[in-house]
Amino acid sequence: MVQKIPDAEPADPAAYQIELFGEVDMARQGQLGRLLDEFKDSGAQDVVVDLRAVTFMDSTGLGFLANLVRQVTQGDGKVEIVGARGPVRRVIEISGLDRRCALIGEPLT
């Protein structure tokens, strides 16, 4: 399931907050697209993506993050990804997204 949490406690209090949870896969593609649109419409410059409750992420979720990072960095904003663990964190690192945004949380061990 995917949800936008506007009143959650972000790492950067001024940043737009997105919380993803459960399996972030092709079945969530429409929801992820709406989240991108909502972010664009918000006028926010920076975004925090909370992945602490994500149990699985496929290329659809990775594509969402890549598109979000592209949009934010084109506007000189920054992206913080919080709480990615295990295979989810590994996918982000392999893709190179961790070099284009801040990956916050415990490192892969």
C-alpha atoms as a PDB file:
ATOM      1  CA  MET A   1       0.000   0.000   0.000  1.00  0.00           C
ATOM      2  CA  VAL A   2       1.139   3.559  -0.658  1.00  0.00           C
ATOM      3  CA  GLN A   3       0.200   6.598   1.347  1.00  0.00           C
ATOM      4  CA  LYS A   4       1.150  10.258   1.593  1.00  0.00           C
ATOM      5  CA  ILE A   5       1.599  11.384   5.190  1.00  0.00           C
ATOM      6  CA  PRO A   6       1.708  15.188   5.253  1.00  0.00           C
ATOM      7  CA  ASP A   7       1.881  15.526   9.056  1.00  0.00           C
ATOM      8  CA  ALA A   8       4.534  12.869   9.765  1.00  0.00           C
ATOM      9  CA  GLU A   9       7.798  13.936  11.394  1.00  0.00           C
ATOM     10  CA  PRO A  10      10.200  14.323   8.444  1.00  0.00           C
ATOM     11  CA  ALA A  11      13.988  14.378   8.728  1.00  0.00           C
ATOM     12  CA  ASP A  12      13.740  17.846   7.156  1.00  0.00           C
ATOM     13  CA  PRO A  13      10.650  19.528   8.653  1.00  0.00           C
ATOM     14  CA  ALA A  14      10.194  21.754   5.596  1.00  0.00           C
ATOM     15  CA  ALA A  15      10.270  18.804   3.159  1.00  0.00           C
ATOM     16  CA  TYR A  16       7.317  17.102   1.539  1.00  0.00           C
ATOM     17  CA  GLN A  17       6.776  13.722   3.228  1.00  0.00           C
ATOM     18  CA  ILE A  18       5.984  10.442   1.451  1.00  0.00           C
ATOM     19  CA  GLU A  19       5.618   7.156   3.330  1.00  0.00           C
ATOM     20  CA  LEU A  20       5.557   3.866   1.435  1.00  0.00           C
ATOM     21  CA  PHE A  21       4.746   0.554   3.060  1.00  0.00           C
ATOM     22  CA  GLY A  22       4.166  -3.081   2.268  1.00  0.00           C
ATOM     23  CA  GLU A  23       4.991  -4.314  -1.214  1.00  0.00           C
ATOM     24  CA  VAL A  24       5.846  -1.517  -3.642  1.00  0.00           C
ATOM     25  CA  ASP A  25       5.399  -3.240  -6.975  1.00  0.00           C
ATOM     26  CA  MET A  26       3.551  -3.080 -10.286  1.00  0.00           C
ATOM     27  CA  ALA A  27       0.209  -3.364  -8.487  1.00  0.00           C
ATOM     28  CA  ARG A  28       0.933   0.092  -6.974  1.00  0.00           C
ATOM     29  CA  GLN A  29       1.908   1.811 -10.222  1.00  0.00           C
ATOM     30  CA  GLY A  30      -1.192   4.026 -10.347  1.00  0.00           C
ATOM     31  CA  GLN A  31      -0.788   5.104  -6.733  1.00  0.00           C
ATOM     32  CA  LEU A  32       2.876   5.900  -7.268  1.00  0.00           C
ATOM     33  CA  GLY A  33       2.016   8.030 -10.298  1.00  0.00           C
ATOM     34  CA  ARG A  34      -0.509   9.962  -8.240  1.00  0.00           C
ATOM     35  CA  LEU A  35       2.108  10.536  -5.530  1.00  0.00           C
ATOM     36  CA  LEU A  36       4.468  12.023  -8.131  1.00  0.00           C
ATOM     37  CA  ASP A  37       1.685  14.302  -9.377  1.00  0.00           C
ATOM     38  CA  GLU A  38       0.798  15.365  -5.819  1.00  0.00           C
ATOM     39  CA  PHE A  39       4.430  16.192  -5.114  1.00  0.00           C
ATOM     40  CA  LYS A  40       4.687  18.300  -8.300  1.00  0.00           C
ATOM     41  CA  ASP A  41       1.456  20.095  -7.430  1.00  0.00           C
ATOM     42  CA  SER A  42       2.621  20.812  -3.861  1.00  0.00           C
ATOM     43  CA  GLY A  43       5.301  23.259  -4.958  1.00  0.00           C
ATOM     44  CA  ALA A  44       7.699  21.735  -2.421  1.00  0.00           C
ATOM     45  CA  GLN A  45      11.390  21.731  -3.249  1.00  0.00           C
ATOM     46  CA  ASP A  46      12.630  18.902  -1.004  1.00  0.00           C
ATOM     47  CA  VAL A  47      11.128  15.503  -0.202  1.00  0.00           C
ATOM     48  CA  VAL A  48      11.623  12.795   2.427  1.00  0.00           C
ATOM     49  CA  VAL A  49      10.628   9.242   1.412  1.00  0.00           C
ATOM     50  CA  ASP A  50      10.101   6.917   4.373  1.00  0.00           C
ATOM     51  CA  LEU A  51      10.689   3.258   3.442  1.00  0.00           C
ATOM     52  CA  ARG A  52      10.844   1.801   6.966  1.00  0.00           C
ATOM     53  CA  ALA A  53       7.703  -0.274   6.434  1.00  0.00           C
ATOM     54  CA  VAL A  54       8.485  -1.449   2.882  1.00  0.00           C
ATOM     55  CA  THR A  55       8.862  -5.233   2.715  1.00  0.00           C
ATOM     56  CA  PHE A  56       9.472  -5.564  -1.033  1.00  0.00           C
ATOM     57  CA  MET A  57      10.224  -3.251  -3.934  1.00  0.00           C
ATOM     58  CA  ASP A  58      10.503  -4.185  -7.612  1.00  0.00           C
ATOM     59  CA  SER A  59      11.511  -2.101 -10.614  1.00  0.00           C
ATOM     60  CA  THR A  60       8.229  -0.180 -10.410  1.00  0.00           C
ATOM     61  CA  GLY A  61       9.149   1.168  -6.987  1.00  0.00           C
ATOM     62  CA  LEU A  62      12.701   1.845  -8.092  1.00  0.00           C
ATOM     63  CA  GLY A  63      11.387   3.699 -11.147  1.00  0.00           C
ATOM     64  CA  PHE A  64       9.174   5.815  -8.900  1.00  0.00           C
ATOM     65  CA  LEU A  65      12.166   6.768  -6.759  1.00  0.00           C
ATOM     66  CA  ALA A  66      14.314   7.502  -9.836  1.00  0.00           C
ATOM     67  CA  ASN A  67      11.613   9.748 -11.333  1.00  0.00           C
ATOM     68  CA  LEU A  68      11.150  11.527  -8.014  1.00  0.00           C
ATOM     69  CA  VAL A  69      14.896  12.111  -7.645  1.00  0.00           C
ATOM     70  CA  ARG A  70      15.075  13.412 -11.231  1.00  0.00           C
ATOM     71  CA  GLN A  71      12.202  15.854 -10.693  1.00  0.00           C
ATOM     72  CA  VAL A  72      13.502  17.117  -7.368  1.00  0.00           C
ATOM     73  CA  THR A  73      17.125  17.553  -8.412  1.00  0.00           C
ATOM     74  CA  GLN A  74      16.130  19.378 -11.616  1.00  0.00           C
ATOM     75  CA  GLY A  75      14.574  21.969  -9.324  1.00  0.00           C
ATOM     76  CA  ASP A  76      17.697  22.133  -7.121  1.00  0.00           C
ATOM     77  CA  GLY A  77      15.910  20.266  -4.345  1.00  0.00           C
ATOM     78  CA  LYS A  78      17.058  17.280  -2.360  1.00  0.00           C
ATOM     79  CA  VAL A  79      15.665  13.827  -1.648  1.00  0.00           C
ATOM     80  CA  GLU A  80      16.159  11.919   1.592  1.00  0.00           C
ATOM     81  CA  ILE A  81      15.293   8.217   1.626  1.00  0.00           C
ATOM     82  CA  VAL A  82      14.793   7.021   5.175  1.00  0.00           C
ATOM     83  CA  GLY A  83      14.802   3.496   6.589  1.00  0.00           C
ATOM     84  CA  ALA A  84      15.499   1.345   3.525  1.00  0.00           C
ATOM     85  CA  ARG A  85      16.655  -2.062   4.780  1.00  0.00           C
ATOM     86  CA  GLY A  86      17.879  -5.364   3.397  1.00  0.00           C
ATOM     87  CA  PRO A  87      17.018  -6.094  -0.232  1.00  0.00           C
ATOM     88  CA  VAL A  88      15.173  -2.774  -0.635  1.00  0.00           C
ATOM     89  CA  ARG A  89      18.309  -0.846   0.360  1.00  0.00           C
ATOM     90  CA  ARG A  90      20.466  -3.078  -1.829  1.00  0.00           C
ATOM     91  CA  VAL A  91      18.327  -2.359  -4.922  1.00  0.00           C
ATOM     92  CA  ILE A  92      18.687   1.380  -4.279  1.00  0.00           C
ATOM     93  CA  GLU A  93      22.460   1.047  -3.914  1.00  0.00           C
ATOM     94  CA  ILE A  94      22.861  -1.132  -7.030  1.00  0.00           C
ATOM     95  CA  SER A  95      20.837   1.368  -9.070  1.00  0.00           C
ATOM     96  CA  GLY A  96      23.111   4.224  -7.994  1.00  0.00           C
ATOM     97  CA  LEU A  97      20.270   6.287  -6.539  1.00  0.00           C
ATOM     98  CA  ASP A  98      22.158   6.463  -3.258  1.00  0.00           C
ATOM     99  CA  ARG A  99      24.680   8.692  -5.046  1.00  0.00           C
ATOM    100  CA  ARG A 100      21.957  11.136  -6.141  1.00  0.00           C
ATOM    101  CA  CYS A 101      20.131  11.460  -2.830  1.00  0.00           C
ATOM    102  CA  ALA A 102      20.661  10.967   0.901  1.00  0.00           C
ATOM    103  CA  LEU A 103      20.107   7.373   2.040  1.00  0.00           C
ATOM    104  CA  ILE A 104      19.443   7.652   5.769  1.00  0.00           C
ATOM    105  CA  GLY A 105      19.303   4.701   8.142  1.00  0.00           C
ATOM    106  CA  GLU A 106      21.270   1.632   9.043  1.00  0.00           C
ATOM    107  CA  PRO A 107      23.735   0.525   6.369  1.00  0.00           C
ATOM    108  CA  LEU A 108      23.405  -2.850   4.698  1.00  0.00           C
ATOM    109  CA  THR A 109      25.356  -5.436   6.683  1.00  0.00           C
END
